[in-house]
Amino acid sequence: MTHGERTDAGAPDDDTRRIGDLSVRIDRLLCVGFGDCVETAPGAFELDEQDIAVFARPEEVERDALLRACDACPVDALTVWGPDGEQLAP
């Protein structure tokens, strides 16, 4: 299965969003639901019915908190790129 294909539940394997000047991607195939992102930046992420991270309201979270949350993922399922394309997390 490649990125962009759909899993059995019909959810995309990854979801990328522009949040301010950042591009944030959740890789649903890597996420195992530890919830560190949810604990680090409440409101930015939540766990769905499969205990996989999904976006909640990341635009309402401070940039630094969002970066810390993405960097906190123990399996590197969250990736962040800055406005110049530089990878900021993990």
PDB file of N, CA and C in Angstrom:
ATOM      1  N   MET A   1       0.856  -1.172   0.000  1.00  0.00           N
ATOM      2  CA  MET A   1       0.000   0.000   0.000  1.00  0.00           C
ATOM      3  C   MET A   1       0.900   1.232   0.000  1.00  0.00           C
ATOM      4  N   THR A   2       0.592   2.233  -0.794  1.00  0.00           N
ATOM      5  CA  THR A   2       1.379   3.454  -0.860  1.00  0.00           C
ATOM      6  C   THR A   2       0.620   4.588  -0.207  1.00  0.00           C
ATOM      7  N   HIS A   3       1.333   5.661   0.089  1.00  0.00           N
ATOM      8  CA  HIS A   3       0.680   6.829   0.684  1.00  0.00           C
ATOM      9  C   HIS A   3      -0.409   7.330  -0.243  1.00  0.00           C
ATOM     10  N   GLY A   4      -1.522   7.724   0.337  1.00  0.00           N
ATOM     11  CA  GLY A   4      -2.633   8.231  -0.449  1.00  0.00           C
ATOM     12  C   GLY A   4      -3.689   7.182  -0.729  1.00  0.00           C
ATOM     13  N   GLU A   5      -3.309   5.896  -0.640  1.00  0.00           N
ATOM     14  CA  GLU A   5      -4.321   4.857  -0.808  1.00  0.00           C
ATOM     15  C   GLU A   5      -5.203   4.842   0.428  1.00  0.00           C
ATOM     16  N   ARG A   6      -6.319   4.187   0.323  1.00  0.00           N
ATOM     17  CA  ARG A   6      -7.242   4.138   1.457  1.00  0.00           C
ATOM     18  C   ARG A   6      -7.120   2.815   2.181  1.00  0.00           C
ATOM     19  N   THR A   7      -7.254   2.877   3.513  1.00  0.00           N
ATOM     20  CA  THR A   7      -7.235   1.671   4.330  1.00  0.00           C
ATOM     21  C   THR A   7      -8.622   1.046   4.279  1.00  0.00           C
ATOM     22  N   ASP A   8      -8.788  -0.065   4.966  1.00  0.00           N
ATOM     23  CA  ASP A   8     -10.088  -0.728   4.992  1.00  0.00           C
ATOM     24  C   ASP A   8     -11.187   0.186   5.510  1.00  0.00           C
ATOM     25  N   ALA A   9     -10.848   1.077   6.435  1.00  0.00           N
ATOM     26  CA  ALA A   9     -11.848   1.972   7.014  1.00  0.00           C
ATOM     27  C   ALA A   9     -12.172   3.131   6.085  1.00  0.00           C
ATOM     28  N   GLY A  10     -11.454   3.255   4.974  1.00  0.00           N
ATOM     29  CA  GLY A  10     -11.736   4.324   4.031  1.00  0.00           C
ATOM     30  C   GLY A  10     -11.029   5.623   4.344  1.00  0.00           C
ATOM     31  N   ALA A  11     -10.181   5.653   5.377  1.00  0.00           N
ATOM     32  CA  ALA A  11      -9.446   6.864   5.719  1.00  0.00           C
ATOM     33  C   ALA A  11      -8.144   6.895   4.922  1.00  0.00           C
ATOM     34  N   PRO A  12      -7.713   8.082   4.497  1.00  0.00           N
ATOM     35  CA  PRO A  12      -6.433   8.144   3.784  1.00  0.00           C
ATOM     36  C   PRO A  12      -5.294   7.708   4.701  1.00  0.00           C
ATOM     37  N   ASP A  13      -4.251   7.128   4.109  1.00  0.00           N
ATOM     38  CA  ASP A  13      -3.098   6.681   4.886  1.00  0.00           C
ATOM     39  C   ASP A  13      -2.347   7.858   5.483  1.00  0.00           C
ATOM     40  N   ASP A  14      -2.418   9.001   4.841  1.00  0.00           N
ATOM     41  CA  ASP A  14      -1.812  10.186   5.419  1.00  0.00           C
ATOM     42  C   ASP A  14      -2.679  11.391   5.128  1.00  0.00           C
ATOM     43  N   ASP A  15      -2.523  12.376   5.987  1.00  0.00           N
ATOM     44  CA  ASP A  15      -3.296  13.605   5.890  1.00  0.00           C
ATOM     45  C   ASP A  15      -2.324  14.749   6.106  1.00  0.00           C
ATOM     46  N   THR A  16      -2.201  15.633   5.135  1.00  0.00           N
ATOM     47  CA  THR A  16      -1.304  16.778   5.249  1.00  0.00           C
ATOM     48  C   THR A  16      -2.135  18.045   5.247  1.00  0.00           C
ATOM     49  N   ARG A  17      -1.814  18.928   6.187  1.00  0.00           N
ATOM     50  CA  ARG A  17      -2.510  20.211   6.279  1.00  0.00           C
ATOM     51  C   ARG A  17      -1.522  21.350   6.392  1.00  0.00           C
ATOM     52  N   ARG A  18      -1.938  22.476   5.853  1.00  0.00           N
ATOM     53  CA  ARG A  18      -1.192  23.726   6.000  1.00  0.00           C
ATOM     54  C   ARG A  18      -1.733  24.402   7.244  1.00  0.00           C
ATOM     55  N   ILE A  19      -0.869  24.670   8.204  1.00  0.00           N
ATOM     56  CA  ILE A  19      -1.259  25.305   9.459  1.00  0.00           C
ATOM     57  C   ILE A  19      -0.325  26.495   9.649  1.00  0.00           C
ATOM     58  N   GLY A  20      -0.837  27.673   9.395  1.00  0.00           N
ATOM     59  CA  GLY A  20       0.021  28.856   9.410  1.00  0.00           C
ATOM     60  C   GLY A  20       1.069  28.717   8.331  1.00  0.00           C
ATOM     61  N   ASP A  21       2.336  28.835   8.717  1.00  0.00           N
ATOM     62  CA  ASP A  21       3.411  28.691   7.730  1.00  0.00           C
ATOM     63  C   ASP A  21       4.001  27.281   7.721  1.00  0.00           C
ATOM     64  N   LEU A  22       3.347  26.342   8.398  1.00  0.00           N
ATOM     65  CA  LEU A  22       3.827  24.966   8.489  1.00  0.00           C
ATOM     66  C   LEU A  22       2.973  24.015   7.660  1.00  0.00           C
ATOM     67  N   SER A  23       3.606  22.968   7.163  1.00  0.00           N
ATOM     68  CA  SER A  23       2.885  21.839   6.571  1.00  0.00           C
ATOM     69  C   SER A  23       3.067  20.668   7.523  1.00  0.00           C
ATOM     70  N   VAL A  24       1.957  20.090   7.976  1.00  0.00           N
ATOM     71  CA  VAL A  24       1.994  19.004   8.952  1.00  0.00           C
ATOM     72  C   VAL A  24       1.334  17.778   8.338  1.00  0.00           C
ATOM     73  N   ARG A  25       2.031  16.635   8.442  1.00  0.00           N
ATOM     74  CA  ARG A  25       1.489  15.384   7.904  1.00  0.00           C
ATOM     75  C   ARG A  25       1.352  14.351   9.012  1.00  0.00           C
ATOM     76  N   ILE A  26       0.202  13.695   9.025  1.00  0.00           N
ATOM     77  CA  ILE A  26      -0.013  12.528   9.886  1.00  0.00           C
ATOM     78  C   ILE A  26       0.073  11.301   8.992  1.00  0.00           C
ATOM     79  N   ASP A  27       0.977  10.398   9.311  1.00  0.00           N
ATOM     80  CA  ASP A  27       1.084   9.127   8.585  1.00  0.00           C
ATOM     81  C   ASP A  27       0.312   8.085   9.387  1.00  0.00           C
ATOM     82  N   ARG A  28      -0.867   7.740   8.928  1.00  0.00           N
ATOM     83  CA  ARG A  28      -1.755   6.826   9.648  1.00  0.00           C
ATOM     84  C   ARG A  28      -1.218   5.394   9.696  1.00  0.00           C
ATOM     85  N   LEU A  29      -0.326   5.051   8.793  1.00  0.00           N
ATOM     86  CA  LEU A  29       0.250   3.706   8.825  1.00  0.00           C
ATOM     87  C   LEU A  29       1.310   3.579   9.915  1.00  0.00           C
ATOM     88  N   LEU A  30       1.955   4.671  10.254  1.00  0.00           N
ATOM     89  CA  LEU A  30       2.963   4.653  11.309  1.00  0.00           C
ATOM     90  C   LEU A  30       2.372   4.846  12.696  1.00  0.00           C
ATOM     91  N   CYS A  31       1.297   5.615  12.795  1.00  0.00           N
ATOM     92  CA  CYS A  31       0.706   5.936  14.089  1.00  0.00           C
ATOM     93  C   CYS A  31       0.193   4.675  14.776  1.00  0.00           C
ATOM     94  N   VAL A  32       0.557   4.543  16.059  1.00  0.00           N
ATOM     95  CA  VAL A  32       0.092   3.400  16.845  1.00  0.00           C
ATOM     96  C   VAL A  32      -0.735   3.850  18.047  1.00  0.00           C
ATOM     97  N   GLY A  33      -1.043   5.131  18.113  1.00  0.00           N
ATOM     98  CA  GLY A  33      -1.978   5.624  19.116  1.00  0.00           C
ATOM     99  C   GLY A  33      -1.448   5.830  20.515  1.00  0.00           C
ATOM    100  N   PHE A  34      -0.168   6.110  20.669  1.00  0.00           N
ATOM    101  CA  PHE A  34       0.355   6.404  22.001  1.00  0.00           C
ATOM    102  C   PHE A  34      -0.326   7.634  22.604  1.00  0.00           C
ATOM    103  N   GLY A  35      -0.665   8.608  21.768  1.00  0.00           N
ATOM    104  CA  GLY A  35      -1.366   9.801  22.235  1.00  0.00           C
ATOM    105  C   GLY A  35      -0.466  10.893  22.769  1.00  0.00           C
ATOM    106  N   ASP A  36       0.840  10.779  22.591  1.00  0.00           N
ATOM    107  CA  ASP A  36       1.749  11.829  23.059  1.00  0.00           C
ATOM    108  C   ASP A  36       1.428  13.172  22.410  1.00  0.00           C
ATOM    109  N   CYS A  37       1.036  13.155  21.145  1.00  0.00           N
ATOM    110  CA  CYS A  37       0.692  14.397  20.450  1.00  0.00           C
ATOM    111  C   CYS A  37      -0.542  15.049  21.079  1.00  0.00           C
ATOM    112  N   VAL A  38      -1.504  14.231  21.463  1.00  0.00           N
ATOM    113  CA  VAL A  38      -2.737  14.726  22.084  1.00  0.00           C
ATOM    114  C   VAL A  38      -2.419  15.340  23.448  1.00  0.00           C
ATOM    115  N   GLU A  39      -1.554  14.687  24.213  1.00  0.00           N
ATOM    116  CA  GLU A  39      -1.189  15.189  25.536  1.00  0.00           C
ATOM    117  C   GLU A  39      -0.340  16.461  25.458  1.00  0.00           C
ATOM    118  N   THR A  40       0.540  16.539  24.461  1.00  0.00           N
ATOM    119  CA  THR A  40       1.454  17.660  24.352  1.00  0.00           C
ATOM    120  C   THR A  40       0.770  18.916  23.826  1.00  0.00           C
ATOM    121  N   ALA A  41      -0.154  18.765  22.903  1.00  0.00           N
ATOM    122  CA  ALA A  41      -0.863  19.916  22.331  1.00  0.00           C
ATOM    123  C   ALA A  41      -2.357  19.614  22.280  1.00  0.00           C
ATOM    124  N   PRO A  42      -3.016  19.677  23.449  1.00  0.00           N
ATOM    125  CA  PRO A  42      -4.456  19.416  23.468  1.00  0.00           C
ATOM    126  C   PRO A  42      -5.177  20.345  22.488  1.00  0.00           C
ATOM    127  N   GLY A  43      -6.048  19.784  21.714  1.00  0.00           N
ATOM    128  CA  GLY A  43      -6.788  20.558  20.733  1.00  0.00           C
ATOM    129  C   GLY A  43      -6.250  20.430  19.326  1.00  0.00           C
ATOM    130  N   ALA A  44      -4.960  20.157  19.184  1.00  0.00           N
ATOM    131  CA  ALA A  44      -4.376  20.030  17.850  1.00  0.00           C
ATOM    132  C   ALA A  44      -4.718  18.680  17.223  1.00  0.00           C
ATOM    133  N   PHE A  45      -4.618  17.635  18.046  1.00  0.00           N
ATOM    134  CA  PHE A  45      -4.850  16.276  17.576  1.00  0.00           C
ATOM    135  C   PHE A  45      -5.815  15.566  18.510  1.00  0.00           C
ATOM    136  N   GLU A  46      -6.409  14.509  17.989  1.00  0.00           N
ATOM    137  CA  GLU A  46      -7.213  13.609  18.802  1.00  0.00           C
ATOM    138  C   GLU A  46      -7.051  12.226  18.216  1.00  0.00           C
ATOM    139  N   LEU A  47      -7.445  11.218  18.963  1.00  0.00           N
ATOM    140  CA  LEU A  47      -7.393   9.852  18.459  1.00  0.00           C
ATOM    141  C   LEU A  47      -8.769   9.462  17.966  1.00  0.00           C
ATOM    142  N   ASP A  48      -8.819   8.851  16.783  1.00  0.00           N
ATOM    143  CA  ASP A  48     -10.102   8.441  16.214  1.00  0.00           C
ATOM    144  C   ASP A  48     -10.549   7.110  16.814  1.00  0.00           C
ATOM    145  N   GLU A  49     -11.598   6.525  16.269  1.00  0.00           N
ATOM    146  CA  GLU A  49     -12.150   5.275  16.793  1.00  0.00           C
ATOM    147  C   GLU A  49     -11.194   4.097  16.666  1.00  0.00           C
ATOM    148  N   GLN A  50     -10.149   4.249  15.838  1.00  0.00           N
ATOM    149  CA  GLN A  50      -9.123   3.205  15.692  1.00  0.00           C
ATOM    150  C   GLN A  50      -7.878   3.530  16.520  1.00  0.00           C
ATOM    151  N   ASP A  51      -7.971   4.564  17.360  1.00  0.00           N
ATOM    152  CA  ASP A  51      -6.844   5.051  18.163  1.00  0.00           C
ATOM    153  C   ASP A  51      -5.681   5.502  17.293  1.00  0.00           C
ATOM    154  N   ILE A  52      -5.994   6.163  16.195  1.00  0.00           N
ATOM    155  CA  ILE A  52      -5.006   6.736  15.289  1.00  0.00           C
ATOM    156  C   ILE A  52      -5.178   8.255  15.337  1.00  0.00           C
ATOM    157  N   ALA A  53      -4.062   8.976  15.335  1.00  0.00           N
ATOM    158  CA  ALA A  53      -4.105  10.436  15.405  1.00  0.00           C
ATOM    159  C   ALA A  53      -4.769  11.039  14.162  1.00  0.00           C
ATOM    160  N   VAL A  54      -5.602  12.020  14.405  1.00  0.00           N
ATOM    161  CA  VAL A  54      -6.221  12.826  13.355  1.00  0.00           C
ATOM    162  C   VAL A  54      -6.150  14.282  13.802  1.00  0.00           C
ATOM    163  N   PHE A  55      -6.279  15.190  12.850  1.00  0.00           N
ATOM    164  CA  PHE A  55      -6.300  16.601  13.193  1.00  0.00           C
ATOM    165  C   PHE A  55      -7.596  16.941  13.920  1.00  0.00           C
ATOM    166  N   ALA A  56      -7.495  17.763  14.933  1.00  0.00           N
ATOM    167  CA  ALA A  56      -8.668  18.312  15.615  1.00  0.00           C
ATOM    168  C   ALA A  56      -8.769  19.779  15.186  1.00  0.00           C
ATOM    169  N   ARG A  57      -8.158  20.678  15.963  1.00  0.00           N
ATOM    170  CA  ARG A  57      -8.164  22.106  15.640  1.00  0.00           C
ATOM    171  C   ARG A  57      -6.741  22.657  15.741  1.00  0.00           C
ATOM    172  N   PRO A  58      -5.831  22.173  14.901  1.00  0.00           N
ATOM    173  CA  PRO A  58      -4.420  22.578  15.024  1.00  0.00           C
ATOM    174  C   PRO A  58      -4.192  24.074  14.812  1.00  0.00           C
ATOM    175  N   GLU A  59      -5.072  24.707  14.067  1.00  0.00           N
ATOM    176  CA  GLU A  59      -4.911  26.148  13.818  1.00  0.00           C
ATOM    177  C   GLU A  59      -5.147  26.981  15.083  1.00  0.00           C
ATOM    178  N   GLU A  60      -5.704  26.366  16.109  1.00  0.00           N
ATOM    179  CA  GLU A  60      -5.972  27.058  17.374  1.00  0.00           C
ATOM    180  C   GLU A  60      -4.856  26.855  18.400  1.00  0.00           C
ATOM    181  N   VAL A  61      -3.827  26.104  18.020  1.00  0.00           N
ATOM    182  CA  VAL A  61      -2.735  25.787  18.930  1.00  0.00           C
ATOM    183  C   VAL A  61      -1.514  26.639  18.547  1.00  0.00           C
ATOM    184  N   GLU A  62      -0.786  27.103  19.553  1.00  0.00           N
ATOM    185  CA  GLU A  62       0.416  27.885  19.283  1.00  0.00           C
ATOM    186  C   GLU A  62       1.422  27.058  18.488  1.00  0.00           C
ATOM    187  N   ARG A  63       2.141  27.742  17.613  1.00  0.00           N
ATOM    188  CA  ARG A  63       3.103  27.104  16.719  1.00  0.00           C
ATOM    189  C   ARG A  63       4.095  26.233  17.491  1.00  0.00           C
ATOM    190  N   ASP A  64       4.687  26.758  18.554  1.00  0.00           N
ATOM    191  CA  ASP A  64       5.679  25.998  19.325  1.00  0.00           C
ATOM    192  C   ASP A  64       5.082  24.738  19.940  1.00  0.00           C
ATOM    193  N   ALA A  65       3.857  24.834  20.429  1.00  0.00           N
ATOM    194  CA  ALA A  65       3.188  23.661  21.005  1.00  0.00           C
ATOM    195  C   ALA A  65       2.929  22.617  19.929  1.00  0.00           C
ATOM    196  N   LEU A  66       2.543  23.062  18.750  1.00  0.00           N
ATOM    197  CA  LEU A  66       2.312  22.146  17.634  1.00  0.00           C
ATOM    198  C   LEU A  66       3.603  21.425  17.252  1.00  0.00           C
ATOM    199  N   LEU A  67       4.698  22.165  17.175  1.00  0.00           N
ATOM    200  CA  LEU A  67       5.991  21.557  16.858  1.00  0.00           C
ATOM    201  C   LEU A  67       6.413  20.556  17.935  1.00  0.00           C
ATOM    202  N   ARG A  68       6.234  20.898  19.203  1.00  0.00           N
ATOM    203  CA  ARG A  68       6.580  19.975  20.289  1.00  0.00           C
ATOM    204  C   ARG A  68       5.751  18.700  20.212  1.00  0.00           C
ATOM    205  N   ALA A  69       4.465  18.854  19.901  1.00  0.00           N
ATOM    206  CA  ALA A  69       3.579  17.691  19.807  1.00  0.00           C
ATOM    207  C   ALA A  69       4.016  16.759  18.680  1.00  0.00           C
ATOM    208  N   CYS A  70       4.372  17.325  17.554  1.00  0.00           N
ATOM    209  CA  CYS A  70       4.801  16.505  16.422  1.00  0.00           C
ATOM    210  C   CYS A  70       6.138  15.839  16.710  1.00  0.00           C
ATOM    211  N   ASP A  71       7.010  16.548  17.409  1.00  0.00           N
ATOM    212  CA  ASP A  71       8.315  15.991  17.749  1.00  0.00           C
ATOM    213  C   ASP A  71       8.201  14.929  18.841  1.00  0.00           C
ATOM    214  N   ALA A  72       7.129  14.953  19.619  1.00  0.00           N
ATOM    215  CA  ALA A  72       6.940  14.007  20.720  1.00  0.00           C
ATOM    216  C   ALA A  72       6.527  12.612  20.255  1.00  0.00           C
ATOM    217  N   CYS A  73       6.108  12.471  19.019  1.00  0.00           N
ATOM    218  CA  CYS A  73       5.637  11.175  18.540  1.00  0.00           C
ATOM    219  C   CYS A  73       6.765  10.146  18.580  1.00  0.00           C
ATOM    220  N   PRO A  74       6.592   9.068  19.346  1.00  0.00           N
ATOM    221  CA  PRO A  74       7.669   8.085  19.478  1.00  0.00           C
ATOM    222  C   PRO A  74       7.908   7.245  18.224  1.00  0.00           C
ATOM    223  N   VAL A  75       6.980   7.261  17.277  1.00  0.00           N
ATOM    224  CA  VAL A  75       7.161   6.470  16.052  1.00  0.00           C
ATOM    225  C   VAL A  75       7.312   7.350  14.811  1.00  0.00           C
ATOM    226  N   ASP A  76       7.473   8.654  15.021  1.00  0.00           N
ATOM    227  CA  ASP A  76       7.680   9.621  13.927  1.00  0.00           C
ATOM    228  C   ASP A  76       6.558   9.602  12.889  1.00  0.00           C
ATOM    229  N   ALA A  77       5.325   9.469  13.361  1.00  0.00           N
ATOM    230  CA  ALA A  77       4.173   9.476  12.455  1.00  0.00           C
ATOM    231  C   ALA A  77       3.746  10.890  12.074  1.00  0.00           C
ATOM    232  N   LEU A  78       4.323  11.892  12.733  1.00  0.00           N
ATOM    233  CA  LEU A  78       3.994  13.286  12.448  1.00  0.00           C
ATOM    234  C   LEU A  78       5.232  13.978  11.887  1.00  0.00           C
ATOM    235  N   THR A  79       5.080  14.601  10.734  1.00  0.00           N
ATOM    236  CA  THR A  79       6.186  15.300  10.090  1.00  0.00           C
ATOM    237  C   THR A  79       5.770  16.736   9.862  1.00  0.00           C
ATOM    238  N   VAL A  80       6.712  17.657  10.083  1.00  0.00           N
ATOM    239  CA  VAL A  80       6.448  19.086   9.905  1.00  0.00           C
ATOM    240  C   VAL A  80       7.522  19.687   9.018  1.00  0.00           C
ATOM    241  N   TRP A  81       7.085  20.500   8.057  1.00  0.00           N
ATOM    242  CA  TRP A  81       7.989  21.255   7.201  1.00  0.00           C
ATOM    243  C   TRP A  81       7.706  22.737   7.394  1.00  0.00           C
ATOM    244  N   GLY A  82       8.767  23.526   7.390  1.00  0.00           N
ATOM    245  CA  GLY A  82       8.652  24.969   7.500  1.00  0.00           C
ATOM    246  C   GLY A  82       8.327  25.604   6.163  1.00  0.00           C
ATOM    247  N   PRO A  83       8.208  26.931   6.151  1.00  0.00           N
ATOM    248  CA  PRO A  83       7.814  27.639   4.928  1.00  0.00           C
ATOM    249  C   PRO A  83       8.821  27.497   3.795  1.00  0.00           C
ATOM    250  N   ASP A  84      10.092  27.213   4.132  1.00  0.00           N
ATOM    251  CA  ASP A  84      11.129  27.045   3.111  1.00  0.00           C
ATOM    252  C   ASP A  84      11.320  25.592   2.687  1.00  0.00           C
ATOM    253  N   GLY A  85      10.463  24.705   3.212  1.00  0.00           N
ATOM    254  CA  GLY A  85      10.539  23.286   2.869  1.00  0.00           C
ATOM    255  C   GLY A  85      11.451  22.479   3.762  1.00  0.00           C
ATOM    256  N   GLU A  86      12.087  23.148   4.731  1.00  0.00           N
ATOM    257  CA  GLU A  86      12.979  22.444   5.654  1.00  0.00           C
ATOM    258  C   GLU A  86      12.148  21.603   6.623  1.00  0.00           C
ATOM    259  N   GLN A  87      12.556  20.356   6.836  1.00  0.00           N
ATOM    260  CA  GLN A  87      11.857  19.492   7.781  1.00  0.00           C
ATOM    261  C   GLN A  87      12.202  19.928   9.193  1.00  0.00           C
ATOM    262  N   LEU A  88      11.171  20.233   9.993  1.00  0.00           N
ATOM    263  CA  LEU A  88      11.356  20.718  11.347  1.00  0.00           C
ATOM    264  C   LEU A  88      11.116  19.652  12.399  1.00  0.00           C
ATOM    265  N   ALA A  89      10.347  18.649  12.085  1.00  0.00           N
ATOM    266  CA  ALA A  89      10.068  17.531  13.011  1.00  0.00           C
ATOM    267  C   ALA A  89       9.686  16.336  12.152  1.00  0.00           C
ATOM    268  N   PRO A  90      10.018  15.152  12.513  1.00  0.00           N
ATOM    269  CA  PRO A  90      10.886  14.821  13.651  1.00  0.00           C
ATOM    270  C   PRO A  90      12.317  15.176  13.352  1.00  0.00           C
TER     271      PRO A  90
END
